[in-house]
C-alpha atoms as a PDB file:
ATOM      1  CA  MET A   1     161.079 146.810  48.134  1.00  0.00           C
ATOM      2  CA  LYS A   2     158.971 149.710  48.374  1.00  0.00           C
ATOM      3  CA  ARG A   3     157.400 148.443  51.631  1.00  0.00           C
ATOM      4  CA  ALA A   4     160.838 148.588  53.122  1.00  0.00           C
ATOM      5  CA  THR A   5     161.444 152.005  52.210  1.00  0.00           C
ATOM      6  CA  ARG A   6     158.070 153.139  53.467  1.00  0.00           C
ATOM      7  CA  THR A   7     158.352 151.908  56.875  1.00  0.00           C
ATOM      8  CA  PRO A   8     161.639 153.861  57.775  1.00  0.00           C
ATOM      9  CA  LEU A   9     160.118 156.909  56.069  1.00  0.00           C
ATOM     10  CA  VAL A  10     156.858 156.613  58.276  1.00  0.00           C
ATOM     11  CA  PHE A  11     159.137 155.994  61.411  1.00  0.00           C
ATOM     12  CA  ARG A  12     161.154 159.150  60.638  1.00  0.00           C
ATOM     13  CA  LEU A  13     158.090 161.281  60.048  1.00  0.00           C
ATOM     14  CA  LEU A  14     156.542 159.906  63.313  1.00  0.00           C
ATOM     15  CA  GLY A  15     159.769 160.717  65.167  1.00  0.00           C
ATOM     16  CA  ARG A  16     159.894 164.278  63.865  1.00  0.00           C
ATOM     17  CA  VAL A  17     156.265 164.757  64.759  1.00  0.00           C
ATOM     18  CA  SER A  18     156.749 163.531  68.155  1.00  0.00           C
ATOM     19  CA  ALA A  19     160.112 165.576  68.573  1.00  0.00           C
ATOM     20  CA  THR A  20     158.272 168.757  67.460  1.00  0.00           C
ATOM     21  CA  LEU A  21     155.401 167.919  70.010  1.00  0.00           C
ATOM     22  CA  VAL A  22     157.880 167.434  72.808  1.00  0.00           C
ATOM     23  CA  ALA A  23     159.426 170.598  71.962  1.00  0.00           C
ATOM     24  CA  LEU A  24     156.180 172.587  71.867  1.00  0.00           C
ATOM     25  CA  VAL A  25     155.246 170.973  75.132  1.00  0.00           C
ATOM     26  CA  ILE A  26     158.467 172.111  76.883  1.00  0.00           C
ATOM     27  CA  PHE A  27     158.270 175.615  75.350  1.00  0.00           C
ATOM     28  CA  SER A  28     154.724 175.840  76.387  1.00  0.00           C
ATOM     29  CA  LEU A  29     155.517 174.888  79.982  1.00  0.00           C
ATOM     30  CA  VAL A  30     158.510 177.115  80.130  1.00  0.00           C
ATOM     31  CA  GLY A  31     156.283 179.892  78.725  1.00  0.00           C
ATOM     32  CA  VAL A  32     153.670 179.419  81.507  1.00  0.00           C
ATOM     33  CA  GLN A  33     156.265 179.260  84.221  1.00  0.00           C
ATOM     34  CA  PHE A  34     157.753 182.372  82.926  1.00  0.00           C
ATOM     35  CA  ALA A  35     154.392 184.135  82.772  1.00  0.00           C
ATOM     36  CA  ARG A  36     153.624 182.875  86.395  1.00  0.00           C
ATOM     37  CA  VAL A  37     156.965 184.436  87.651  1.00  0.00           C
ATOM     38  CA  ILE A  38     156.373 187.760  86.019  1.00  0.00           C
ATOM     39  CA  HIS A  39     152.958 187.858  87.577  1.00  0.00           C
ATOM     40  CA  GLN A  40     154.369 187.171  91.175  1.00  0.00           C
ATOM     41  CA  ASN A  41     157.026 190.032  90.556  1.00  0.00           C
ATOM     42  CA  ILE A  42     154.350 192.480  89.417  1.00  0.00           C
ATOM     43  CA  ALA A  43     152.266 191.469  92.489  1.00  0.00           C
ATOM     44  CA  LEU A  44     155.243 191.783  94.987  1.00  0.00           C
ATOM     45  CA  ALA A  45     156.265 195.118  93.325  1.00  0.00           C
ATOM     46  CA  GLN A  46     152.655 196.506  94.201  1.00  0.00           C
ATOM     47  CA  ASP A  47     152.933 195.122  97.720  1.00  0.00           C
ATOM     48  CA  LEU A  48     156.297 196.745  98.123  1.00  0.00           C
ATOM     49  CA  SER A  49     155.140 199.884  96.897  1.00  0.00           C
ATOM     50  CA  SER A  50     152.046 199.797  99.212  1.00  0.00           C
ATOM     51  CA  THR A  51     154.369 199.023 102.165  1.00  0.00           C
ATOM     52  CA  GLN A  52     156.627 201.784 101.395  1.00  0.00           C
ATOM     53  CA  ASN A  53     153.824 204.209 101.397  1.00  0.00           C
ATOM     54  CA  ASP A  54     152.498 202.885 104.584  1.00  0.00           C
ATOM     55  CA  LEU A  55     155.958 203.135 106.080  1.00  0.00           C
ATOM     56  CA  THR A  56     156.228 206.903 104.806  1.00  0.00           C
ATOM     57  CA  ALA A  57     152.914 207.660 106.525  1.00  0.00           C
ATOM     58  CA  LEU A  58     153.666 205.957 109.677  1.00  0.00           C
ATOM     59  CA  GLN A  59     157.088 207.815 109.898  1.00  0.00           C
ATOM     60  CA  ALA A  60     155.393 211.105 109.338  1.00  0.00           C
ATOM     61  CA  ARG A  61     152.766 210.425 112.067  1.00  0.00           C
ATOM     62  CA  LYS A  62     155.637 209.223 114.454  1.00  0.00           C
ATOM     63  CA  GLN A  63     157.353 212.708 113.845  1.00  0.00           C
ATOM     64  CA  TRP A  64     154.091 214.601 114.460  1.00  0.00           C
ATOM     65  CA  GLN A  65     153.355 212.511 117.779  1.00  0.00           C
ATOM     66  CA  VAL A  66     156.965 213.083 118.945  1.00  0.00           C
ATOM     67  CA  ARG A  67     156.616 216.981 118.274  1.00  0.00           C
ATOM     68  CA  GLU A  68     153.075 216.898 120.003  1.00  0.00           C
ATOM     69  CA  LEU A  69     154.640 215.089 122.952  1.00  0.00           C
ATOM     70  CA  GLN A  70     157.346 217.430 123.351  1.00  0.00           C
ATOM     71  CA  ARG A  71     154.945 220.227 123.297  1.00  0.00           C
ATOM     72  CA  LEU A  72     152.658 218.871 125.778  1.00  0.00           C
ATOM     73  CA  SER A  73     155.596 218.025 128.131  1.00  0.00           C
ATOM     74  CA  ASP A  74     156.223 221.648 128.321  1.00  0.00           C
ATOM     75  CA  PRO A  75     153.766 223.405 130.803  1.00  0.00           C
ATOM     76  CA  GLU A  76     153.324 226.435 128.565  1.00  0.00           C
ATOM     77  CA  GLY A  77     152.781 224.238 125.487  1.00  0.00           C
ATOM     78  CA  ALA A  78     150.054 222.413 127.256  1.00  0.00           C
ATOM     79  CA  VAL A  79     148.046 225.385 128.209  1.00  0.00           C
ATOM     80  CA  PRO A  80     146.158 225.829 124.897  1.00  0.00           C
ATOM     81  CA  ASP A  81     145.156 222.245 125.063  1.00  0.00           C
ATOM     82  CA  ILE A  82     144.098 222.418 128.919  1.00  0.00           C
ATOM     83  CA  HIS A  83     141.985 225.532 127.766  1.00  0.00           C
ATOM     84  CA  ASP A  84     140.221 223.849 124.808  1.00  0.00           C
ATOM     85  CA  ARG A  85     139.723 220.332 126.214  1.00  0.00           C
ATOM     86  CA  LEU A  86     139.345 220.714 129.822  1.00  0.00           C
ATOM     87  CA  ARG A  87     137.883 224.319 129.831  1.00  0.00           C
ATOM     88  CA  LEU A  88     140.195 225.030 132.956  1.00  0.00           C
ATOM     89  CA  VAL A  89     141.746 228.461 133.451  1.00  0.00           C
ATOM     90  CA  ARG A  90     144.344 229.756 136.058  1.00  0.00           C
ATOM     91  CA  HIS A  91     142.931 232.141 138.668  1.00  0.00           C
ATOM     92  CA  ASN A  92     143.648 235.220 136.737  1.00  0.00           C
ATOM     93  CA  GLU A  93     142.604 234.077 133.474  1.00  0.00           C
ATOM     94  CA  ALA A  94     139.118 233.853 131.708  1.00  0.00           C
ATOM     95  CA  ILE A  95     137.722 231.993 128.728  1.00  0.00           C
ATOM     96  CA  ILE A  96     135.642 233.924 126.274  1.00  0.00           C
ATOM     97  CA  PHE A  97     133.727 232.011 123.795  1.00  0.00           C
ATOM     98  CA  VAL A  98     132.893 233.781 120.492  1.00  0.00           C
ATOM     99  CA  SER A  99     130.142 232.317 118.436  1.00  0.00           C
ATOM    100  CA  PRO A 100     129.932 232.892 114.761  1.00  0.00           C
ATOM    101  CA  ALA A 101     127.802 235.774 113.528  1.00  0.00           C
ATOM    102  CA  PRO A 102     124.361 234.777 112.231  1.00  0.00           C
ATOM    103  CA  SER A 103     123.903 234.592 108.527  1.00  0.00           C
ATOM    104  CA  SER A 104     121.701 237.205 106.957  1.00  0.00           C
ATOM    105  CA  ALA A 105     120.118 234.771 104.552  1.00  0.00           C
ATOM    106  CA  PRO A 106     116.526 233.946 105.325  1.00  0.00           C
END
């Protein structure tokens, strides 16, 4: 009779151990997936921040270029660039180049 009571006890113990192992495997798989999703979210947030910074820089550059284009479209606004870059003057103008004073240090 002792043998009959031991067999169900062993089966119950094996069943509980196997159920515990299955639960641990499931929880670990869920935990790994959760960690992977968190890692992806962090990486995407960093990419989004970088893209937003790039967008802000590009918008500022576009505004500067639009202002520069408007300035250069006006003939009077283009005169300083014509003088500086092309070294051209009108018939009644002259360009005077001023060099820095020499330093007094030996």
